[in-house]
Amino acid sequence: MGRTVPTWRNRIEAELSALNDFERALSTVDKLALERLKNGVRIRRTAGGMMPAHDSWKPMLLSMLLECYSRIDELERTIDNIITEE
């Protein structure tokens, strides 16, 4: 029997691919930032698949927000370490 519902991974990759035209119009710096966000979605793909959603964007946006927060947290720890060393 064939699969009628695309896998979560395929749904996510299709949504991320839909951003290609948008990405082409971005500056180099913004392209790198978007790529980091897209990778954050891929890293958290398993967690996103656990959230029942007809709209792929809800878990994708949560994953992107977590990626941003993780980066902020990492930078705060780096700053704290620099301050502590002084």
C-alpha atoms as a PDB file:
ATOM      1  CA  MET A   1       0.000   0.000   0.000  1.00  0.00           C
ATOM      2  CA  GLY A   2       1.152   3.485  -0.767  1.00  0.00           C
ATOM      3  CA  ARG A   3       1.522   6.250   1.723  1.00  0.00           C
ATOM      4  CA  THR A   4      -1.118   8.949   1.313  1.00  0.00           C
ATOM      5  CA  VAL A   5       0.212  11.397   3.884  1.00  0.00           C
ATOM      6  CA  PRO A   6       3.695  12.823   3.334  1.00  0.00           C
ATOM      7  CA  THR A   7       6.178  12.168   6.115  1.00  0.00           C
ATOM      8  CA  TRP A   8       6.898  14.978   8.535  1.00  0.00           C
ATOM      9  CA  ARG A   9      10.409  15.286   7.123  1.00  0.00           C
ATOM     10  CA  ASN A  10       9.092  15.636   3.573  1.00  0.00           C
ATOM     11  CA  ARG A  11       6.526  18.231   4.650  1.00  0.00           C
ATOM     12  CA  ILE A  12       9.201  20.274   6.411  1.00  0.00           C
ATOM     13  CA  GLU A  13      11.652  20.071   3.505  1.00  0.00           C
ATOM     14  CA  ALA A  14       8.889  21.117   1.083  1.00  0.00           C
ATOM     15  CA  GLU A  15       8.065  24.152   3.233  1.00  0.00           C
ATOM     16  CA  LEU A  16      11.745  25.072   3.573  1.00  0.00           C
ATOM     17  CA  SER A  17      12.224  24.712  -0.191  1.00  0.00           C
ATOM     18  CA  ALA A  18       9.307  27.081  -0.732  1.00  0.00           C
ATOM     19  CA  LEU A  19      11.481  29.782   0.855  1.00  0.00           C
ATOM     20  CA  ASN A  20      14.089  29.596  -1.937  1.00  0.00           C
ATOM     21  CA  ASP A  21      12.766  32.581  -3.933  1.00  0.00           C
ATOM     22  CA  PHE A  22      12.584  34.645  -0.753  1.00  0.00           C
ATOM     23  CA  GLU A  23      16.108  33.573   0.183  1.00  0.00           C
ATOM     24  CA  ARG A  24      17.534  34.590  -3.206  1.00  0.00           C
ATOM     25  CA  ALA A  25      16.357  38.167  -2.620  1.00  0.00           C
ATOM     26  CA  LEU A  26      18.098  38.447   0.760  1.00  0.00           C
ATOM     27  CA  SER A  27      21.486  39.958   1.483  1.00  0.00           C
ATOM     28  CA  THR A  28      24.367  37.592   2.187  1.00  0.00           C
ATOM     29  CA  VAL A  29      24.108  38.214   5.930  1.00  0.00           C
ATOM     30  CA  ASP A  30      20.372  37.540   5.932  1.00  0.00           C
ATOM     31  CA  LYS A  31      20.846  34.405   3.814  1.00  0.00           C
ATOM     32  CA  LEU A  32      23.212  33.038   6.452  1.00  0.00           C
ATOM     33  CA  ALA A  33      20.729  33.891   9.204  1.00  0.00           C
ATOM     34  CA  LEU A  34      17.872  32.192   7.344  1.00  0.00           C
ATOM     35  CA  GLU A  35      20.032  29.122   6.744  1.00  0.00           C
ATOM     36  CA  ARG A  36      20.752  28.929  10.469  1.00  0.00           C
ATOM     37  CA  LEU A  37      17.009  29.099  11.201  1.00  0.00           C
ATOM     38  CA  LYS A  38      16.278  26.415   8.610  1.00  0.00           C
ATOM     39  CA  ASN A  39      18.930  24.183  10.153  1.00  0.00           C
ATOM     40  CA  GLY A  40      17.310  24.781  13.548  1.00  0.00           C
ATOM     41  CA  VAL A  41      14.082  23.365  12.115  1.00  0.00           C
ATOM     42  CA  ARG A  42      15.922  20.340  10.756  1.00  0.00           C
ATOM     43  CA  ILE A  43      17.682  19.704  14.073  1.00  0.00           C
ATOM     44  CA  ARG A  44      14.350  19.785  15.935  1.00  0.00           C
ATOM     45  CA  ARG A  45      12.459  17.806  13.303  1.00  0.00           C
ATOM     46  CA  THR A  46      11.681  14.938  15.685  1.00  0.00           C
ATOM     47  CA  ALA A  47      10.158  17.286  18.270  1.00  0.00           C
ATOM     48  CA  GLY A  48       8.123  19.031  15.573  1.00  0.00           C
ATOM     49  CA  GLY A  49       6.741  15.709  14.426  1.00  0.00           C
ATOM     50  CA  MET A  50       5.426  15.063  17.930  1.00  0.00           C
ATOM     51  CA  MET A  51       3.227  18.165  17.753  1.00  0.00           C
ATOM     52  CA  PRO A  52       0.047  17.321  15.870  1.00  0.00           C
ATOM     53  CA  ALA A  53      -0.459  20.165  13.431  1.00  0.00           C
ATOM     54  CA  HIS A  54      -2.102  20.467  10.051  1.00  0.00           C
ATOM     55  CA  ASP A  55      -0.076  23.608   9.513  1.00  0.00           C
ATOM     56  CA  SER A  56       3.640  22.781   9.301  1.00  0.00           C
ATOM     57  CA  TRP A  57       4.562  26.346  10.147  1.00  0.00           C
ATOM     58  CA  LYS A  58       3.573  26.219  13.820  1.00  0.00           C
ATOM     59  CA  PRO A  59       6.211  23.642  14.809  1.00  0.00           C
ATOM     60  CA  MET A  60       8.640  25.170  12.315  1.00  0.00           C
ATOM     61  CA  LEU A  61       8.315  28.621  13.884  1.00  0.00           C
ATOM     62  CA  LEU A  62       8.689  27.164  17.368  1.00  0.00           C
ATOM     63  CA  SER A  63      11.870  25.444  16.197  1.00  0.00           C
ATOM     64  CA  MET A  64      13.149  28.701  14.714  1.00  0.00           C
ATOM     65  CA  LEU A  65      12.400  30.559  17.943  1.00  0.00           C
ATOM     66  CA  LEU A  66      14.252  27.898  19.912  1.00  0.00           C
ATOM     67  CA  GLU A  67      17.202  28.254  17.544  1.00  0.00           C
ATOM     68  CA  CYS A  68      17.244  32.009  18.199  1.00  0.00           C
ATOM     69  CA  TYR A  69      16.989  31.516  21.948  1.00  0.00           C
ATOM     70  CA  SER A  70      19.750  28.888  21.906  1.00  0.00           C
ATOM     71  CA  ARG A  71      22.027  31.324  20.092  1.00  0.00           C
ATOM     72  CA  ILE A  72      21.200  34.145  22.531  1.00  0.00           C
ATOM     73  CA  ASP A  73      21.828  31.825  25.481  1.00  0.00           C
ATOM     74  CA  GLU A  74      25.171  30.751  24.004  1.00  0.00           C
ATOM     75  CA  LEU A  75      26.220  34.383  23.523  1.00  0.00           C
ATOM     76  CA  GLU A  76      25.149  35.301  27.077  1.00  0.00           C
ATOM     77  CA  ARG A  77      27.254  32.452  28.481  1.00  0.00           C
ATOM     78  CA  THR A  78      30.225  33.598  26.408  1.00  0.00           C
ATOM     79  CA  ILE A  79      29.843  37.166  27.673  1.00  0.00           C
ATOM     80  CA  ASP A  80      29.512  35.936  31.270  1.00  0.00           C
ATOM     81  CA  ASN A  81      32.697  33.879  30.877  1.00  0.00           C
ATOM     82  CA  ILE A  82      34.587  36.887  29.501  1.00  0.00           C
ATOM     83  CA  ILE A  83      33.369  39.087  32.357  1.00  0.00           C
ATOM     84  CA  THR A  84      34.260  36.421  34.930  1.00  0.00           C
ATOM     85  CA  GLU A  85      37.798  36.105  33.545  1.00  0.00           C
ATOM     86  CA  GLU A  86      38.488  39.836  33.955  1.00  0.00           C
END
